[in-house]
Amino acid sequence: MRVRNHSVKGRPRKGRRATILLVTACTLGAVATPLALAAASPEQAPAAAAADDRLLPVPQAPRISNGPYAGSQFCGARDGDPVVTTGSPTFGATLEAVAPPGTVEPARPGPRRKVTFEIDTAAGQPVLHRQLTSETSHDAALEVPEGTFTDGAYRWRVRVKDGDTSSAWTAWCSFTVKRG
């Protein structure tokens, strides 16, 4: 932006200083606003709760795949519930999202958190309750042994625990097994 320097007897016009201050304020606002919005978004609310050491963030992006190297189907997708076509699916979740650039992450416990997966039939009958230890602080995955499921409707959820501190459970995620 070019600001003209109109002068009266060698002195800059008073409006130039105000224009420079206005441009500077707008620039600072443009940089600070996205950071403030990112910190105030609902996705960051669990991370804010973790800062007070009473709660861990609820695991995010629960997903199912037909195996450890297959693409993931996310819970709550618009195209319906995930469909598993294998007898040994993999369940996964993100334990902690990486903070946006420019924000300060609170001190967090390191890796090796206990992650609990619960899988029930759609009617609520328990099928599998498994606790594992995550080797990273960001992700957890559970590969279910062959023969655990028959064709039908199921649901699952996950939570994370570190010492005496636990997250809330994720919402139940419905899925269908169709192997035939």
N, C-alpha and C. Protein backbone atom coordinates (compact mmCIF):
# COMPACT_ATOMS: atom_id res chain seq x y z
N MET A 1 0.85 -1.17 0.00
CA MET A 1 0.00 0.00 0.00
C MET A 1 0.89 1.22 0.00
N ARG A 2 0.59 2.15 -0.85
CA ARG A 2 1.38 3.37 -0.95
C ARG A 2 0.62 4.50 -0.29
N VAL A 3 1.29 5.20 0.60
CA VAL A 3 0.69 6.34 1.28
C VAL A 3 1.38 7.59 0.75
N ARG A 4 0.59 8.50 0.28
CA ARG A 4 1.17 9.74 -0.25
C ARG A 4 1.57 10.65 0.89
N ASN A 5 2.66 11.31 0.69
CA ASN A 5 3.17 12.22 1.70
C ASN A 5 2.92 13.65 1.23
N HIS A 6 1.76 14.17 1.63
CA HIS A 6 1.46 15.58 1.33
C HIS A 6 2.02 16.40 2.48
N SER A 7 2.83 17.32 2.17
CA SER A 7 3.42 18.11 3.25
C SER A 7 3.09 19.59 3.08
N VAL A 8 3.04 20.21 4.22
CA VAL A 8 2.86 21.65 4.26
C VAL A 8 4.12 22.20 4.88
N LYS A 9 4.90 22.94 4.10
CA LYS A 9 6.16 23.53 4.55
C LYS A 9 7.06 22.46 5.19
N GLY A 10 7.20 21.24 4.52
CA GLY A 10 8.16 20.23 4.96
C GLY A 10 7.67 19.30 6.05
N ARG A 11 6.45 19.52 6.57
CA ARG A 11 5.97 18.64 7.64
C ARG A 11 4.94 17.66 7.06
N PRO A 12 4.99 16.39 7.49
CA PRO A 12 4.01 15.43 7.00
C PRO A 12 2.61 15.78 7.48
N ARG A 13 1.65 15.41 6.69
CA ARG A 13 0.26 15.64 7.04
C ARG A 13 -0.14 14.76 8.21
N LYS A 14 -1.02 15.21 9.09
CA LYS A 14 -1.43 14.46 10.28
C LYS A 14 -2.13 13.15 9.91
N GLY A 15 -2.81 13.11 8.79
CA GLY A 15 -3.54 11.91 8.38
C GLY A 15 -2.63 10.74 8.06
N ARG A 16 -1.39 11.00 7.68
CA ARG A 16 -0.45 9.93 7.35
C ARG A 16 -0.18 9.06 8.57
N ARG A 17 0.03 9.65 9.71
CA ARG A 17 0.30 8.90 10.94
C ARG A 17 -0.89 8.04 11.31
N ALA A 18 -2.10 8.58 11.17
CA ALA A 18 -3.31 7.81 11.48
C ALA A 18 -3.47 6.65 10.51
N THR A 19 -3.15 6.87 9.24
CA THR A 19 -3.26 5.81 8.24
C THR A 19 -2.28 4.69 8.55
N ILE A 20 -1.06 5.02 8.91
CA ILE A 20 -0.06 4.01 9.25
C ILE A 20 -0.52 3.21 10.47
N LEU A 21 -1.06 3.87 11.48
CA LEU A 21 -1.55 3.17 12.67
C LEU A 21 -2.72 2.25 12.32
N LEU A 22 -3.61 2.70 11.46
CA LEU A 22 -4.75 1.89 11.05
C LEU A 22 -4.30 0.64 10.28
N VAL A 23 -3.37 0.81 9.35
CA VAL A 23 -2.85 -0.33 8.58
C VAL A 23 -2.15 -1.32 9.51
N THR A 24 -1.37 -0.83 10.45
CA THR A 24 -0.68 -1.70 11.40
C THR A 24 -1.68 -2.48 12.25
N ALA A 25 -2.71 -1.82 12.74
CA ALA A 25 -3.72 -2.49 13.56
C ALA A 25 -4.45 -3.56 12.76
N CYS A 26 -4.79 -3.27 11.51
CA CYS A 26 -5.47 -4.26 10.65
C CYS A 26 -4.58 -5.47 10.40
N THR A 27 -3.30 -5.23 10.17
CA THR A 27 -2.37 -6.33 9.92
C THR A 27 -2.25 -7.22 11.15
N LEU A 28 -2.10 -6.63 12.31
CA LEU A 28 -2.01 -7.41 13.55
C LEU A 28 -3.30 -8.19 13.80
N GLY A 29 -4.43 -7.57 13.53
CA GLY A 29 -5.71 -8.26 13.70
C GLY A 29 -5.85 -9.44 12.75
N ALA A 30 -5.37 -9.29 11.53
CA ALA A 30 -5.45 -10.37 10.55
C ALA A 30 -4.60 -11.55 10.95
N VAL A 31 -3.49 -11.30 11.63
CA VAL A 31 -2.64 -12.39 12.09
C VAL A 31 -3.20 -13.02 13.36
N ALA A 32 -3.68 -12.24 14.28
CA ALA A 32 -4.14 -12.75 15.58
C ALA A 32 -5.49 -13.45 15.51
N THR A 33 -6.38 -13.03 14.63
CA THR A 33 -7.73 -13.59 14.58
C THR A 33 -7.75 -15.08 14.31
N PRO A 34 -7.05 -15.62 13.30
CA PRO A 34 -7.10 -17.07 13.09
C PRO A 34 -6.59 -17.85 14.29
N LEU A 35 -5.55 -17.34 14.96
CA LEU A 35 -5.04 -18.04 16.14
C LEU A 35 -6.06 -18.03 17.27
N ALA A 36 -6.73 -16.91 17.47
CA ALA A 36 -7.74 -16.84 18.51
C ALA A 36 -8.93 -17.74 18.19
N LEU A 37 -9.35 -17.78 16.93
CA LEU A 37 -10.45 -18.65 16.54
C LEU A 37 -10.08 -20.12 16.70
N ALA A 38 -8.85 -20.49 16.36
CA ALA A 38 -8.42 -21.88 16.51
C ALA A 38 -8.44 -22.29 17.97
N ALA A 39 -8.00 -21.41 18.86
CA ALA A 39 -7.98 -21.73 20.29
C ALA A 39 -9.39 -21.81 20.85
N ALA A 40 -10.35 -21.09 20.26
CA ALA A 40 -11.70 -21.07 20.79
C ALA A 40 -12.62 -22.10 20.14
N SER A 41 -12.10 -22.87 19.15
CA SER A 41 -12.96 -23.80 18.45
C SER A 41 -13.34 -24.97 19.35
N PRO A 42 -14.50 -25.62 19.09
CA PRO A 42 -14.94 -26.74 19.91
C PRO A 42 -13.96 -27.90 19.91
N GLU A 43 -13.21 -28.09 18.80
CA GLU A 43 -12.25 -29.18 18.75
C GLU A 43 -11.14 -29.00 19.78
N GLN A 44 -10.85 -27.75 20.15
CA GLN A 44 -9.79 -27.49 21.10
C GLN A 44 -10.26 -27.53 22.54
N ALA A 45 -11.58 -27.60 22.76
CA ALA A 45 -12.10 -27.59 24.13
C ALA A 45 -11.56 -28.73 24.97
N PRO A 46 -11.47 -29.98 24.44
CA PRO A 46 -10.89 -31.03 25.27
C PRO A 46 -9.45 -30.75 25.64
N ALA A 47 -8.67 -30.14 24.74
CA ALA A 47 -7.29 -29.83 25.07
C ALA A 47 -7.22 -28.79 26.18
N ALA A 48 -8.16 -27.84 26.19
CA ALA A 48 -8.19 -26.85 27.26
C ALA A 48 -8.51 -27.52 28.59
N ALA A 49 -9.41 -28.50 28.57
CA ALA A 49 -9.73 -29.21 29.79
C ALA A 49 -8.53 -29.99 30.30
N ALA A 50 -7.68 -30.49 29.38
CA ALA A 50 -6.52 -31.27 29.80
C ALA A 50 -5.50 -30.40 30.52
N ALA A 51 -5.51 -29.11 30.24
CA ALA A 51 -4.52 -28.23 30.85
C ALA A 51 -4.66 -28.17 32.36
N ASP A 52 -5.86 -28.43 32.88
CA ASP A 52 -6.02 -28.37 34.33
C ASP A 52 -5.76 -29.72 34.99
N ASP A 53 -5.27 -30.72 34.23
CA ASP A 53 -4.88 -32.04 34.74
C ASP A 53 -6.01 -32.84 35.33
N ARG A 54 -7.27 -32.46 35.15
CA ARG A 54 -8.38 -33.26 35.65
C ARG A 54 -8.89 -34.22 34.60
N LEU A 55 -8.80 -33.84 33.34
CA LEU A 55 -9.29 -34.67 32.25
C LEU A 55 -8.27 -34.75 31.14
N LEU A 56 -8.24 -35.88 30.48
CA LEU A 56 -7.47 -36.00 29.26
C LEU A 56 -8.40 -35.69 28.11
N PRO A 57 -7.87 -35.28 26.97
CA PRO A 57 -8.74 -35.04 25.82
C PRO A 57 -9.44 -36.32 25.39
N VAL A 58 -10.68 -36.19 24.97
CA VAL A 58 -11.43 -37.34 24.45
C VAL A 58 -10.78 -37.74 23.13
N PRO A 59 -10.54 -39.03 22.91
CA PRO A 59 -9.97 -39.44 21.63
C PRO A 59 -10.83 -38.94 20.47
N GLN A 60 -10.17 -38.59 19.37
CA GLN A 60 -10.87 -38.02 18.22
C GLN A 60 -10.70 -38.92 17.00
N ALA A 61 -11.50 -38.65 15.97
CA ALA A 61 -11.46 -39.33 14.68
C ALA A 61 -11.50 -40.84 14.81
N PRO A 62 -12.50 -41.39 15.55
CA PRO A 62 -12.60 -42.85 15.60
C PRO A 62 -12.83 -43.41 14.19
N ARG A 63 -12.10 -44.47 13.87
CA ARG A 63 -12.12 -45.00 12.52
C ARG A 63 -11.95 -46.51 12.51
N ILE A 64 -12.42 -47.12 11.44
CA ILE A 64 -12.34 -48.57 11.25
C ILE A 64 -11.75 -48.83 9.88
N SER A 65 -10.95 -49.87 9.77
CA SER A 65 -10.45 -50.28 8.46
C SER A 65 -10.50 -51.81 8.37
N ASN A 66 -10.42 -52.31 7.17
CA ASN A 66 -10.45 -53.75 6.95
C ASN A 66 -9.13 -54.42 7.30
N GLY A 67 -8.16 -53.67 7.71
CA GLY A 67 -6.87 -54.20 8.11
C GLY A 67 -5.90 -53.06 8.36
N PRO A 68 -4.72 -53.37 8.87
CA PRO A 68 -3.78 -52.32 9.24
C PRO A 68 -3.29 -51.47 8.07
N TYR A 69 -3.40 -51.98 6.83
CA TYR A 69 -2.90 -51.23 5.67
C TYR A 69 -4.03 -50.79 4.73
N ALA A 70 -5.26 -50.99 5.16
CA ALA A 70 -6.41 -50.58 4.35
C ALA A 70 -6.81 -49.16 4.71
N GLY A 71 -7.54 -48.50 3.82
CA GLY A 71 -8.03 -47.15 4.10
C GLY A 71 -9.04 -47.16 5.24
N SER A 72 -9.15 -46.04 5.92
CA SER A 72 -10.05 -45.94 7.08
C SER A 72 -11.41 -45.40 6.69
N GLN A 73 -12.42 -45.86 7.42
CA GLN A 73 -13.77 -45.33 7.33
C GLN A 73 -14.03 -44.64 8.68
N PHE A 74 -14.41 -43.38 8.64
CA PHE A 74 -14.58 -42.62 9.87
C PHE A 74 -16.00 -42.73 10.41
N CYS A 75 -16.11 -42.77 11.72
CA CYS A 75 -17.41 -42.81 12.37
C CYS A 75 -18.13 -41.48 12.13
N GLY A 76 -19.44 -41.56 11.97
CA GLY A 76 -20.22 -40.35 11.79
C GLY A 76 -20.12 -39.76 10.41
N ALA A 77 -19.62 -40.50 9.44
CA ALA A 77 -19.51 -39.98 8.07
C ALA A 77 -20.90 -39.80 7.47
N ARG A 78 -21.02 -38.87 6.56
CA ARG A 78 -22.32 -38.56 5.94
C ARG A 78 -22.86 -39.70 5.08
N ASP A 79 -21.96 -40.54 4.59
CA ASP A 79 -22.41 -41.62 3.71
C ASP A 79 -22.82 -42.88 4.47
N GLY A 80 -23.05 -42.78 5.76
CA GLY A 80 -23.54 -43.90 6.55
C GLY A 80 -22.48 -44.52 7.45
N ASP A 81 -22.90 -45.55 8.16
CA ASP A 81 -22.01 -46.24 9.08
C ASP A 81 -20.95 -47.02 8.31
N PRO A 82 -19.77 -47.18 8.90
CA PRO A 82 -18.73 -47.98 8.25
C PRO A 82 -19.19 -49.43 8.05
N VAL A 83 -18.69 -50.05 6.99
CA VAL A 83 -18.97 -51.45 6.70
C VAL A 83 -17.64 -52.18 6.63
N VAL A 84 -17.52 -53.25 7.42
CA VAL A 84 -16.30 -54.05 7.47
C VAL A 84 -16.53 -55.31 6.66
N THR A 85 -15.58 -55.65 5.80
CA THR A 85 -15.73 -56.83 4.95
C THR A 85 -14.70 -57.91 5.25
N THR A 86 -14.08 -57.83 6.40
CA THR A 86 -13.08 -58.81 6.82
C THR A 86 -13.38 -59.25 8.24
N GLY A 87 -12.84 -60.39 8.63
CA GLY A 87 -13.05 -60.88 9.99
C GLY A 87 -12.04 -60.33 10.98
N SER A 88 -11.08 -59.53 10.51
CA SER A 88 -10.05 -58.99 11.38
C SER A 88 -9.86 -57.50 11.15
N PRO A 89 -10.87 -56.68 11.50
CA PRO A 89 -10.74 -55.23 11.26
C PRO A 89 -9.80 -54.56 12.27
N THR A 90 -9.40 -53.35 11.93
CA THR A 90 -8.57 -52.53 12.81
C THR A 90 -9.37 -51.31 13.23
N PHE A 91 -9.38 -51.03 14.53
CA PHE A 91 -10.05 -49.86 15.10
C PHE A 91 -8.98 -48.87 15.52
N GLY A 92 -9.18 -47.59 15.24
CA GLY A 92 -8.17 -46.60 15.59
C GLY A 92 -8.79 -45.30 16.05
N ALA A 93 -7.99 -44.50 16.76
CA ALA A 93 -8.42 -43.18 17.22
C ALA A 93 -7.19 -42.32 17.45
N THR A 94 -7.40 -41.02 17.32
CA THR A 94 -6.35 -40.05 17.61
C THR A 94 -6.50 -39.64 19.06
N LEU A 95 -5.47 -39.85 19.85
CA LEU A 95 -5.54 -39.53 21.27
C LEU A 95 -5.38 -38.05 21.52
N GLU A 96 -4.52 -37.40 20.77
CA GLU A 96 -4.29 -35.96 20.89
C GLU A 96 -4.04 -35.38 19.53
N ALA A 97 -4.69 -34.29 19.24
CA ALA A 97 -4.41 -33.58 18.00
C ALA A 97 -3.19 -32.70 18.22
N VAL A 98 -2.47 -32.44 17.17
CA VAL A 98 -1.32 -31.55 17.26
C VAL A 98 -1.84 -30.12 17.31
N ALA A 99 -1.31 -29.32 18.19
CA ALA A 99 -1.78 -27.93 18.35
C ALA A 99 -1.46 -27.12 17.10
N PRO A 100 -2.34 -26.16 16.76
CA PRO A 100 -2.07 -25.31 15.59
C PRO A 100 -0.81 -24.49 15.79
N PRO A 101 -0.13 -24.13 14.70
CA PRO A 101 1.08 -23.31 14.82
C PRO A 101 0.78 -22.01 15.55
N GLY A 102 1.71 -21.60 16.39
CA GLY A 102 1.57 -20.35 17.12
C GLY A 102 0.88 -20.48 18.45
N THR A 103 0.38 -21.69 18.80
CA THR A 103 -0.25 -21.88 20.11
C THR A 103 0.71 -22.62 21.01
N VAL A 104 0.49 -22.51 22.29
CA VAL A 104 1.34 -23.17 23.26
C VAL A 104 0.63 -24.42 23.75
N GLU A 105 1.29 -25.56 23.61
CA GLU A 105 0.70 -26.80 24.10
C GLU A 105 0.99 -26.92 25.60
N PRO A 106 -0.03 -27.30 26.39
CA PRO A 106 0.23 -27.52 27.80
C PRO A 106 1.12 -28.75 27.99
N ALA A 107 1.79 -28.82 29.13
CA ALA A 107 2.62 -29.98 29.42
C ALA A 107 1.73 -31.22 29.42
N ARG A 108 2.15 -32.24 28.73
CA ARG A 108 1.36 -33.47 28.62
C ARG A 108 2.21 -34.64 29.05
N PRO A 109 1.56 -35.64 29.60
CA PRO A 109 2.30 -36.86 29.87
C PRO A 109 2.77 -37.46 28.55
N GLY A 110 3.80 -38.24 28.58
CA GLY A 110 4.37 -38.82 27.38
C GLY A 110 3.60 -40.02 26.87
N PRO A 111 4.26 -40.79 26.03
CA PRO A 111 3.61 -41.97 25.46
C PRO A 111 3.33 -43.03 26.52
N ARG A 112 2.80 -44.14 26.04
CA ARG A 112 2.50 -45.30 26.87
C ARG A 112 1.27 -45.08 27.73
N ARG A 113 0.26 -44.51 27.14
CA ARG A 113 -1.03 -44.36 27.81
C ARG A 113 -1.84 -45.63 27.63
N LYS A 114 -2.71 -45.91 28.57
CA LYS A 114 -3.60 -47.06 28.45
C LYS A 114 -4.84 -46.63 27.67
N VAL A 115 -5.17 -47.40 26.67
CA VAL A 115 -6.31 -47.09 25.81
C VAL A 115 -7.27 -48.27 25.89
N THR A 116 -8.54 -47.98 26.19
CA THR A 116 -9.55 -49.02 26.33
C THR A 116 -10.54 -48.95 25.17
N PHE A 117 -10.72 -50.08 24.51
CA PHE A 117 -11.69 -50.22 23.43
C PHE A 117 -12.82 -51.11 23.93
N GLU A 118 -14.06 -50.70 23.70
CA GLU A 118 -15.23 -51.51 24.01
C GLU A 118 -16.00 -51.73 22.72
N ILE A 119 -16.33 -53.00 22.44
CA ILE A 119 -17.10 -53.34 21.26
C ILE A 119 -18.29 -54.18 21.72
N ASP A 120 -19.48 -53.77 21.32
CA ASP A 120 -20.73 -54.45 21.68
C ASP A 120 -21.52 -54.75 20.41
N THR A 121 -22.51 -55.62 20.54
CA THR A 121 -23.47 -55.77 19.46
C THR A 121 -24.31 -54.50 19.44
N ALA A 122 -25.09 -54.31 18.39
CA ALA A 122 -25.95 -53.13 18.30
C ALA A 122 -26.96 -53.13 19.44
N ALA A 123 -27.31 -54.32 19.97
CA ALA A 123 -28.26 -54.43 21.08
C ALA A 123 -27.60 -54.20 22.44
N GLY A 124 -26.29 -53.99 22.47
CA GLY A 124 -25.60 -53.69 23.72
C GLY A 124 -24.97 -54.88 24.41
N GLN A 125 -24.91 -56.05 23.76
CA GLN A 125 -24.27 -57.23 24.35
C GLN A 125 -22.75 -57.12 24.15
N PRO A 126 -21.95 -57.25 25.21
CA PRO A 126 -20.49 -57.12 25.08
C PRO A 126 -19.90 -58.17 24.14
N VAL A 127 -19.00 -57.74 23.28
CA VAL A 127 -18.28 -58.63 22.37
C VAL A 127 -16.81 -58.66 22.73
N LEU A 128 -16.23 -57.48 22.98
CA LEU A 128 -14.80 -57.39 23.26
C LEU A 128 -14.54 -56.16 24.12
N HIS A 129 -13.76 -56.32 25.17
CA HIS A 129 -13.30 -55.21 26.01
C HIS A 129 -11.79 -55.40 26.11
N ARG A 130 -11.03 -54.51 25.47
CA ARG A 130 -9.60 -54.69 25.41
C ARG A 130 -8.89 -53.42 25.80
N GLN A 131 -7.90 -53.55 26.69
CA GLN A 131 -7.06 -52.41 27.06
C GLN A 131 -5.68 -52.66 26.51
N LEU A 132 -5.11 -51.66 25.87
CA LEU A 132 -3.75 -51.79 25.36
C LEU A 132 -2.97 -50.56 25.76
N THR A 133 -1.68 -50.63 25.57
CA THR A 133 -0.82 -49.50 25.88
C THR A 133 -0.34 -48.89 24.58
N SER A 134 -0.60 -47.61 24.41
CA SER A 134 -0.21 -46.90 23.19
C SER A 134 1.28 -46.60 23.24
N GLU A 135 1.96 -46.88 22.15
CA GLU A 135 3.39 -46.60 22.07
C GLU A 135 3.67 -45.14 21.74
N THR A 136 2.64 -44.38 21.34
CA THR A 136 2.80 -42.96 21.07
C THR A 136 1.75 -42.21 21.88
N SER A 137 1.91 -40.93 22.00
CA SER A 137 0.90 -40.15 22.72
C SER A 137 -0.18 -39.63 21.79
N HIS A 138 -0.08 -39.92 20.48
CA HIS A 138 -1.02 -39.35 19.52
C HIS A 138 -2.04 -40.32 18.95
N ASP A 139 -1.72 -41.60 18.81
CA ASP A 139 -2.62 -42.53 18.15
C ASP A 139 -2.68 -43.87 18.88
N ALA A 140 -3.79 -44.57 18.67
CA ALA A 140 -3.93 -45.94 19.18
C ALA A 140 -4.69 -46.75 18.15
N ALA A 141 -4.33 -48.02 18.03
CA ALA A 141 -5.01 -48.91 17.08
C ALA A 141 -5.14 -50.29 17.70
N LEU A 142 -6.26 -50.93 17.42
CA LEU A 142 -6.53 -52.29 17.91
C LEU A 142 -6.91 -53.15 16.72
N GLU A 143 -6.14 -54.20 16.46
CA GLU A 143 -6.49 -55.16 15.41
C GLU A 143 -7.21 -56.32 16.10
N VAL A 144 -8.44 -56.55 15.70
CA VAL A 144 -9.28 -57.57 16.32
C VAL A 144 -8.95 -58.92 15.69
N PRO A 145 -8.83 -59.95 16.53
CA PRO A 145 -8.50 -61.28 15.99
C PRO A 145 -9.61 -61.84 15.09
N GLU A 146 -9.20 -62.62 14.11
CA GLU A 146 -10.13 -63.30 13.20
C GLU A 146 -11.11 -64.15 14.02
N GLY A 147 -12.36 -64.17 13.61
CA GLY A 147 -13.37 -64.98 14.29
C GLY A 147 -14.11 -64.26 15.41
N THR A 148 -13.78 -63.01 15.68
CA THR A 148 -14.45 -62.26 16.75
C THR A 148 -15.87 -61.88 16.34
N PHE A 149 -16.06 -61.57 15.05
CA PHE A 149 -17.35 -61.08 14.57
C PHE A 149 -18.03 -62.06 13.61
N THR A 150 -19.34 -62.09 13.69
CA THR A 150 -20.16 -62.70 12.65
C THR A 150 -20.80 -61.54 11.90
N ASP A 151 -21.43 -61.80 10.78
CA ASP A 151 -22.10 -60.72 10.06
C ASP A 151 -23.18 -60.12 10.94
N GLY A 152 -23.29 -58.80 10.91
CA GLY A 152 -24.31 -58.13 11.70
C GLY A 152 -23.91 -56.72 12.07
N ALA A 153 -24.71 -56.11 12.96
CA ALA A 153 -24.51 -54.71 13.38
C ALA A 153 -23.83 -54.67 14.75
N TYR A 154 -22.89 -53.75 14.89
CA TYR A 154 -22.11 -53.60 16.12
C TYR A 154 -21.93 -52.11 16.42
N ARG A 155 -21.36 -51.86 17.59
CA ARG A 155 -20.97 -50.49 17.96
C ARG A 155 -19.70 -50.58 18.78
N TRP A 156 -18.94 -49.47 18.80
CA TRP A 156 -17.71 -49.45 19.60
C TRP A 156 -17.42 -48.04 20.07
N ARG A 157 -16.56 -47.96 21.08
CA ARG A 157 -16.10 -46.67 21.61
C ARG A 157 -14.72 -46.86 22.23
N VAL A 158 -14.07 -45.74 22.57
CA VAL A 158 -12.71 -45.79 23.09
C VAL A 158 -12.49 -44.66 24.08
N ARG A 159 -11.58 -44.87 25.03
CA ARG A 159 -11.14 -43.80 25.92
C ARG A 159 -9.68 -44.03 26.27
N VAL A 160 -9.04 -43.02 26.84
CA VAL A 160 -7.62 -43.09 27.17
C VAL A 160 -7.45 -42.81 28.67
N LYS A 161 -6.46 -43.47 29.26
CA LYS A 161 -6.18 -43.30 30.70
C LYS A 161 -4.68 -43.12 30.88
N ASP A 162 -4.32 -42.19 31.75
CA ASP A 162 -2.92 -41.96 32.09
C ASP A 162 -2.84 -41.84 33.60
N GLY A 163 -2.31 -42.86 34.25
CA GLY A 163 -2.30 -42.88 35.71
C GLY A 163 -3.71 -42.92 36.24
N ASP A 164 -4.05 -42.00 37.12
CA ASP A 164 -5.40 -41.92 37.69
C ASP A 164 -6.33 -41.03 36.87
N THR A 165 -5.84 -40.47 35.78
CA THR A 165 -6.62 -39.54 34.97
C THR A 165 -7.16 -40.25 33.74
N SER A 166 -8.46 -40.07 33.47
CA SER A 166 -9.09 -40.70 32.30
C SER A 166 -9.83 -39.66 31.48
N SER A 167 -9.94 -39.94 30.19
CA SER A 167 -10.78 -39.12 29.33
C SER A 167 -12.20 -39.65 29.42
N ALA A 168 -13.12 -38.91 28.86
CA ALA A 168 -14.48 -39.43 28.68
C ALA A 168 -14.44 -40.42 27.52
N TRP A 169 -15.46 -41.26 27.43
CA TRP A 169 -15.58 -42.16 26.30
C TRP A 169 -15.96 -41.36 25.05
N THR A 170 -15.55 -41.83 23.90
CA THR A 170 -16.06 -41.26 22.66
C THR A 170 -17.52 -41.66 22.54
N ALA A 171 -18.24 -41.03 21.64
CA ALA A 171 -19.61 -41.47 21.37
C ALA A 171 -19.54 -42.87 20.75
N TRP A 172 -20.62 -43.63 20.90
CA TRP A 172 -20.67 -44.95 20.27
C TRP A 172 -20.59 -44.78 18.76
N CYS A 173 -19.84 -45.63 18.12
CA CYS A 173 -19.71 -45.65 16.66
C CYS A 173 -20.32 -46.94 16.15
N SER A 174 -21.36 -46.84 15.34
CA SER A 174 -22.01 -48.02 14.78
C SER A 174 -21.26 -48.47 13.53
N PHE A 175 -21.22 -49.79 13.32
CA PHE A 175 -20.64 -50.34 12.09
C PHE A 175 -21.29 -51.67 11.79
N THR A 176 -21.14 -52.13 10.57
CA THR A 176 -21.72 -53.38 10.13
C THR A 176 -20.64 -54.29 9.59
N VAL A 177 -20.73 -55.57 9.93
CA VAL A 177 -19.82 -56.58 9.39
C VAL A 177 -20.58 -57.34 8.31
N LYS A 178 -20.02 -57.32 7.07
CA LYS A 178 -20.60 -58.06 5.94
C LYS A 178 -19.44 -58.74 5.22
N ARG A 179 -19.20 -59.99 5.55
CA ARG A 179 -18.08 -60.68 4.95
C ARG A 179 -18.47 -61.52 3.74
N GLY A 180 -19.74 -61.72 3.50
CA GLY A 180 -20.16 -62.64 2.45
C GLY A 180 -20.39 -61.99 1.18
